[in-house]
């Protein structure tokens, strides 16, 4: 009986250690981006069969990728959206690209001593739906036979400045904000909700049940366009001058319902339970490579 307790304790410790061991990169180099143009942001996320390259992504953006949530579903200090890093990491042989989010979780925990927990809260959201008259959307043309298979690789290039926002997701999927328009290519309704979340003050929940892939253009009033551009910068962690923030505080929060209504879509402010990723502790400087 005396040996049973130590054996049980060892088993519990081993089980706990196994639970904490997730998929990890073989080698990872992390370097802070020390020189940034305050007027613009350019970032890249590329994952192939053997390597992940991240350029100028904030920790918050890495958390979005790692945990599959929207920026508004991450709670933590403001600086996690401001400090940016370059990462080059090797994916172990035979491990699919789909495991990269879990490997990012492990990387953040090991190199930034990150500790997080999840919780669910009732939060303000926008619900994306279909009007009684029906959606008036243009379906995207069929994919080329030469198009890369979804999940085989990820190559996202994004840039933003006072002139607008442009994001190329790969596979013909993209969205851009410029000249009073938000233009989206090859977007499902769920992807549309995710993109809209980047430009408004709360997460967008898709309840359209639309099954297709669509090309959309949302025409924005000039005053709404400016608000949407400012909001996208805030959501990306860009530090803006006080006059821009005052414009955001005094402007209308409803910048999307009108353009969406013209496409037969509804955009209602409601509350819904959402899962949050809460950052409990995190180093500003990663441990050595």
Protein backbone atom coordinates (compact mmCIF):
# COMPACT_ATOMS: atom_id res chain seq x y z
CA UNK A 1 0.00 0.00 0.00
CA UNK A 2 2.91 2.34 0.75
CA UNK A 3 4.19 2.08 -2.82
CA UNK A 4 0.78 2.69 -4.34
CA UNK A 5 0.68 6.40 -3.47
CA UNK A 6 4.08 7.29 -4.97
CA UNK A 7 3.25 5.31 -8.11
CA UNK A 8 -0.12 7.05 -8.41
CA UNK A 9 1.55 10.42 -7.89
CA UNK A 10 4.07 9.67 -10.65
CA UNK A 11 1.27 8.67 -12.98
CA UNK A 12 -0.56 11.91 -12.28
CA UNK A 13 2.58 13.97 -12.91
CA UNK A 14 3.23 12.09 -16.15
CA UNK A 15 -0.37 12.61 -17.26
CA UNK A 16 -0.17 16.32 -16.48
CA UNK A 17 3.09 16.63 -18.42
CA UNK A 18 1.58 14.80 -21.37
CA UNK A 19 -1.44 17.11 -21.30
CA UNK A 20 0.86 20.13 -21.47
CA UNK A 21 2.88 18.72 -24.37
CA UNK A 22 1.34 19.79 -27.64
CA UNK A 23 2.66 19.89 -31.19
CA UNK A 24 5.66 22.19 -31.50
CA UNK A 25 7.97 23.61 -34.12
CA UNK A 26 11.35 21.92 -34.46
CA UNK A 27 13.20 25.26 -34.48
CA UNK A 28 11.83 28.78 -34.20
CA UNK A 29 13.54 32.15 -34.53
CA UNK A 30 11.70 35.19 -33.12
CA UNK A 31 12.88 38.74 -33.73
CA UNK A 32 11.15 41.97 -32.69
CA UNK A 33 10.32 44.46 -35.43
CA UNK A 34 12.17 47.47 -34.07
CA UNK A 35 11.50 49.96 -36.87
CA UNK A 36 7.89 50.50 -37.86
CA UNK A 37 6.23 53.11 -40.01
CA UNK A 38 3.50 54.52 -37.79
CA UNK A 39 1.47 55.48 -40.86
CA UNK A 40 1.27 51.99 -42.36
CA UNK A 41 1.33 48.30 -41.47
CA UNK A 42 2.50 45.44 -43.67
CA UNK A 43 2.39 41.86 -42.52
CA UNK A 44 2.69 38.37 -43.93
CA UNK A 45 1.81 34.88 -42.73
CA UNK A 46 3.09 32.00 -44.81
CA UNK A 47 2.86 28.30 -43.93
CA UNK A 48 4.08 25.64 -46.33
CA UNK A 49 4.74 21.96 -45.84
CA UNK A 50 8.02 22.63 -44.04
CA UNK A 51 8.16 26.18 -42.75
CA UNK A 52 6.19 29.04 -41.22
CA UNK A 53 7.25 32.63 -41.89
CA UNK A 54 5.60 35.50 -40.05
CA UNK A 55 6.49 39.10 -40.84
CA UNK A 56 5.51 42.03 -38.61
CA UNK A 57 2.58 40.32 -36.90
CA UNK A 58 1.55 41.41 -33.43
CA UNK A 59 1.08 38.91 -30.63
CA UNK A 60 -2.64 39.61 -30.80
CA UNK A 61 -2.71 38.65 -34.47
CA UNK A 62 -0.75 35.51 -33.63
CA UNK A 63 -3.34 34.71 -30.97
CA UNK A 64 -6.12 35.17 -33.52
CA UNK A 65 -4.43 32.56 -35.70
CA UNK A 66 -3.47 30.27 -32.83
CA UNK A 67 -6.91 30.09 -31.21
CA UNK A 68 -9.21 30.69 -34.17
CA UNK A 69 -11.02 33.69 -32.65
CA UNK A 70 -11.65 37.29 -33.68
CA UNK A 71 -9.55 40.19 -32.31
CA UNK A 72 -12.46 41.33 -30.10
CA UNK A 73 -12.46 37.88 -28.45
CA UNK A 74 -8.97 38.37 -27.01
CA UNK A 75 -8.54 40.17 -23.71
CA UNK A 76 -5.12 41.35 -22.60
CA UNK A 77 -2.87 44.40 -22.28
CA UNK A 78 -2.96 46.93 -25.12
CA UNK A 79 0.65 46.30 -26.09
CA UNK A 80 -0.12 42.79 -27.42
CA UNK A 81 -1.66 44.53 -30.43
CA UNK A 82 1.22 46.97 -30.86
CA UNK A 83 4.52 45.09 -30.51
CA UNK A 84 5.30 43.18 -33.71
CA UNK A 85 7.61 40.26 -34.43
CA UNK A 86 9.17 38.30 -37.27
CA UNK A 87 9.09 34.53 -36.85
CA UNK A 88 10.72 31.77 -38.88
CA UNK A 89 9.84 28.27 -37.69
CA UNK A 90 10.34 24.74 -39.01
CA UNK A 91 7.37 22.37 -39.15
CA UNK A 92 8.33 18.79 -38.17
CA UNK A 93 8.39 16.34 -41.07
CA UNK A 94 5.05 14.68 -41.63
CA UNK A 95 3.07 17.23 -39.59
CA UNK A 96 0.27 18.87 -41.62
CA UNK A 97 -0.12 22.63 -41.94
CA UNK A 98 -3.43 22.30 -40.07
CA UNK A 99 -1.40 21.77 -36.87
CA UNK A 100 0.28 25.20 -37.15
CA UNK A 101 -2.26 26.96 -34.85
CA UNK A 102 -1.53 24.49 -32.04
CA UNK A 103 2.20 24.88 -32.63
CA UNK A 104 1.78 28.65 -32.35
CA UNK A 105 0.06 28.15 -29.00
CA UNK A 106 3.03 26.10 -27.80
CA UNK A 107 5.52 28.65 -29.16
CA UNK A 108 3.83 31.53 -27.34
CA UNK A 109 3.68 29.53 -24.11
CA UNK A 110 7.34 28.47 -24.27
CA UNK A 111 9.01 31.60 -25.58
CA UNK A 112 6.76 34.32 -24.14
CA UNK A 113 5.79 32.43 -20.95
CA UNK A 114 2.21 33.03 -22.01
CA UNK A 115 -0.59 31.87 -19.79
CA UNK A 116 -4.18 32.16 -20.95
CA UNK A 117 -7.57 30.87 -19.98
CA UNK A 118 -10.86 30.65 -21.79
CA UNK A 119 -14.18 31.93 -20.57
CA UNK A 120 -17.59 32.62 -22.05
CA UNK A 121 -19.33 35.97 -21.72
CA UNK A 122 -22.49 37.57 -23.02
CA UNK A 123 -21.12 40.22 -25.36
CA UNK A 124 -22.43 42.75 -27.89
CA UNK A 125 -22.31 41.35 -31.43
CA UNK A 126 -23.67 42.08 -34.87
CA UNK A 127 -25.77 39.29 -36.36
CA UNK A 128 -25.46 38.90 -40.13
CA UNK A 129 -28.69 37.59 -41.64
CA UNK A 130 -30.80 37.54 -44.80
CA UNK A 131 -33.64 40.02 -45.32
CA UNK A 132 -37.20 38.92 -46.08
CA UNK A 133 -36.71 39.82 -49.74
CA UNK A 134 -33.73 37.49 -50.02
CA UNK A 135 -30.00 37.96 -50.59
CA UNK A 136 -28.83 39.64 -53.80
CA UNK A 137 -25.32 38.25 -54.03
CA UNK A 138 -23.11 37.37 -56.98
CA UNK A 139 -21.62 33.89 -56.77
CA UNK A 140 -17.90 33.65 -57.45
CA UNK A 141 -16.84 31.96 -60.70
CA UNK A 142 -15.72 28.33 -60.37
CA UNK A 143 -12.16 27.79 -59.17
CA UNK A 144 -9.53 26.99 -61.72
CA UNK A 145 -8.43 23.36 -61.88
CA UNK A 146 -4.90 24.61 -61.25
CA UNK A 147 -5.86 26.37 -58.01
CA UNK A 148 -4.00 25.02 -54.94
CA UNK A 149 -5.96 22.74 -52.63
CA UNK A 150 -7.37 24.36 -49.51
CA UNK A 151 -5.22 23.55 -46.48
CA UNK A 152 -2.16 22.55 -48.55
CA UNK A 153 -0.47 25.88 -47.76
CA UNK A 154 -1.31 29.28 -46.33
CA UNK A 155 0.00 32.52 -47.79
CA UNK A 156 -1.56 35.72 -46.45
CA UNK A 157 -0.25 39.16 -47.35
CA UNK A 158 -1.79 42.26 -45.80
CA UNK A 159 -1.17 45.98 -45.77
CA UNK A 160 -2.88 49.00 -44.35
CA UNK A 161 -2.38 52.75 -44.37
CA UNK A 162 -4.35 55.98 -44.60
CA UNK A 163 -4.99 55.04 -48.24
CA UNK A 164 -6.84 51.86 -47.32
CA UNK A 165 -6.51 48.18 -46.44
CA UNK A 166 -5.64 45.27 -48.71
CA UNK A 167 -5.49 41.58 -47.73
CA UNK A 168 -4.69 38.70 -50.09
CA UNK A 169 -5.65 35.42 -48.40
CA UNK A 170 -4.57 33.25 -51.31
CA UNK A 171 -6.56 30.97 -53.58
CA UNK A 172 -8.22 33.97 -55.20
CA UNK A 173 -9.67 35.10 -51.87
CA UNK A 174 -9.08 38.72 -50.96
CA UNK A 175 -10.63 41.87 -49.60
CA UNK A 176 -9.75 45.52 -49.86
CA UNK A 177 -10.98 48.80 -48.41
CA UNK A 178 -10.32 51.84 -50.59
CA UNK A 179 -12.13 54.65 -52.41
CA UNK A 180 -15.28 54.36 -50.27
CA UNK A 181 -15.71 50.66 -51.06
CA UNK A 182 -15.14 47.34 -49.33
CA UNK A 183 -14.53 44.77 -52.07
CA UNK A 184 -14.49 41.05 -51.26
CA UNK A 185 -13.59 38.15 -53.56
CA UNK A 186 -14.47 34.46 -53.12
CA UNK A 187 -15.99 34.81 -49.65
CA UNK A 188 -18.34 32.43 -47.89
CA UNK A 189 -20.91 33.97 -45.55
CA UNK A 190 -18.80 32.90 -42.57
CA UNK A 191 -15.69 34.49 -44.10
CA UNK A 192 -17.72 37.65 -44.79
CA UNK A 193 -18.65 37.83 -41.10
CA UNK A 194 -14.98 37.43 -40.15
CA UNK A 195 -13.92 40.20 -42.54
CA UNK A 196 -16.65 42.58 -41.33
CA UNK A 197 -15.45 41.98 -37.76
CA UNK A 198 -12.18 43.69 -38.71
CA UNK A 199 -14.01 46.90 -39.59
CA UNK A 200 -16.57 47.28 -36.79
CA UNK A 201 -16.56 47.57 -33.02
CA UNK A 202 -17.74 44.05 -32.13
CA UNK A 203 -17.67 40.48 -33.47
CA UNK A 204 -19.99 39.59 -36.34
CA UNK A 205 -21.92 36.31 -36.12
CA UNK A 206 -23.08 34.64 -39.33
CA UNK A 207 -26.67 33.44 -39.25
CA UNK A 208 -27.39 33.65 -42.98
CA UNK A 209 -27.14 29.91 -43.71
CA UNK A 210 -26.00 30.91 -47.21
CA UNK A 211 -24.03 27.99 -48.70
CA UNK A 212 -22.15 29.64 -51.57
CA UNK A 213 -18.97 31.59 -52.26
CA UNK A 214 -19.53 35.19 -53.31
CA UNK A 215 -17.97 38.34 -54.77
CA UNK A 216 -19.31 41.45 -53.03
CA UNK A 217 -18.85 45.19 -53.15
CA UNK A 218 -20.10 47.34 -50.27
CA UNK A 219 -20.46 51.02 -51.15
CA UNK A 220 -19.79 53.23 -48.12
CA UNK A 221 -20.70 56.86 -47.54
CA UNK A 222 -17.50 58.98 -47.26
CA UNK A 223 -18.05 59.69 -43.56
CA UNK A 224 -18.67 56.00 -42.87
CA UNK A 225 -15.65 55.02 -44.93
CA UNK A 226 -13.40 57.14 -42.72
CA UNK A 227 -14.87 55.58 -39.58
CA UNK A 228 -14.43 52.07 -40.98
CA UNK A 229 -10.80 52.81 -41.89
CA UNK A 230 -10.08 54.14 -38.40
CA UNK A 231 -11.81 51.17 -36.77
CA UNK A 232 -9.75 48.72 -38.85
CA UNK A 233 -6.56 50.42 -37.62
CA UNK A 234 -7.69 50.24 -33.99
CA UNK A 235 -8.57 46.56 -34.35
CA UNK A 236 -5.10 45.95 -35.83
CA UNK A 237 -3.41 47.57 -32.82
CA UNK A 238 -2.26 50.73 -34.60
CA UNK A 239 -1.80 53.73 -32.29
CA UNK A 240 -3.74 56.62 -33.80
CA UNK A 241 -3.59 60.37 -33.04
CA UNK A 242 -6.20 61.80 -30.64
CA UNK A 243 -8.16 63.55 -33.39
CA UNK A 244 -8.77 60.22 -35.15
CA UNK A 245 -9.95 58.62 -31.92
CA UNK A 246 -12.30 61.54 -31.24
CA UNK A 247 -13.81 61.08 -34.70
CA UNK A 248 -14.40 57.42 -33.87
CA UNK A 249 -16.03 58.29 -30.55
CA UNK A 250 -18.41 60.84 -32.04
CA UNK A 251 -19.23 59.01 -35.28
CA UNK A 252 -22.07 56.57 -35.81
CA UNK A 253 -21.23 52.95 -34.92
CA UNK A 254 -23.64 51.73 -37.60
CA UNK A 255 -21.50 51.90 -40.73
CA UNK A 256 -22.37 48.58 -42.38
CA UNK A 257 -26.13 47.97 -42.17
CA UNK A 258 -26.96 50.31 -45.07
CA UNK A 259 -24.48 48.82 -47.59
CA UNK A 260 -25.42 45.28 -46.54
CA UNK A 261 -29.15 46.02 -46.79
CA UNK A 262 -28.67 46.90 -50.46
CA UNK A 263 -27.41 43.34 -50.93
CA UNK A 264 -30.41 41.82 -49.15
CA UNK A 265 -28.52 41.23 -45.90
CA UNK A 266 -29.38 42.34 -42.37
CA UNK A 267 -26.94 43.55 -39.73
CA UNK A 268 -28.49 43.67 -36.27
CA UNK A 269 -26.90 44.69 -32.98
CA UNK A 270 -27.61 42.02 -30.36
CA UNK A 271 -25.94 40.13 -27.52
CA UNK A 272 -24.67 36.57 -27.69
CA UNK A 273 -22.45 34.25 -25.62
CA UNK A 274 -18.91 34.23 -27.01
CA UNK A 275 -15.79 32.41 -25.94
CA UNK A 276 -12.91 34.70 -24.95
CA UNK A 277 -9.20 33.99 -24.78
CA UNK A 278 -7.93 35.93 -21.76
CA UNK A 279 -4.20 36.60 -21.48
CA UNK A 280 -3.24 36.20 -17.82
CA UNK A 281 0.50 36.80 -18.20
CA UNK A 282 2.93 37.31 -21.05
CA UNK A 283 6.49 38.52 -21.57
CA UNK A 284 7.10 41.50 -23.83
CA UNK A 285 10.44 40.04 -24.90
CA UNK A 286 10.70 36.39 -25.94
CA UNK A 287 13.33 34.13 -24.45
CA UNK A 288 16.45 33.54 -26.54
CA UNK A 289 16.29 31.53 -29.76
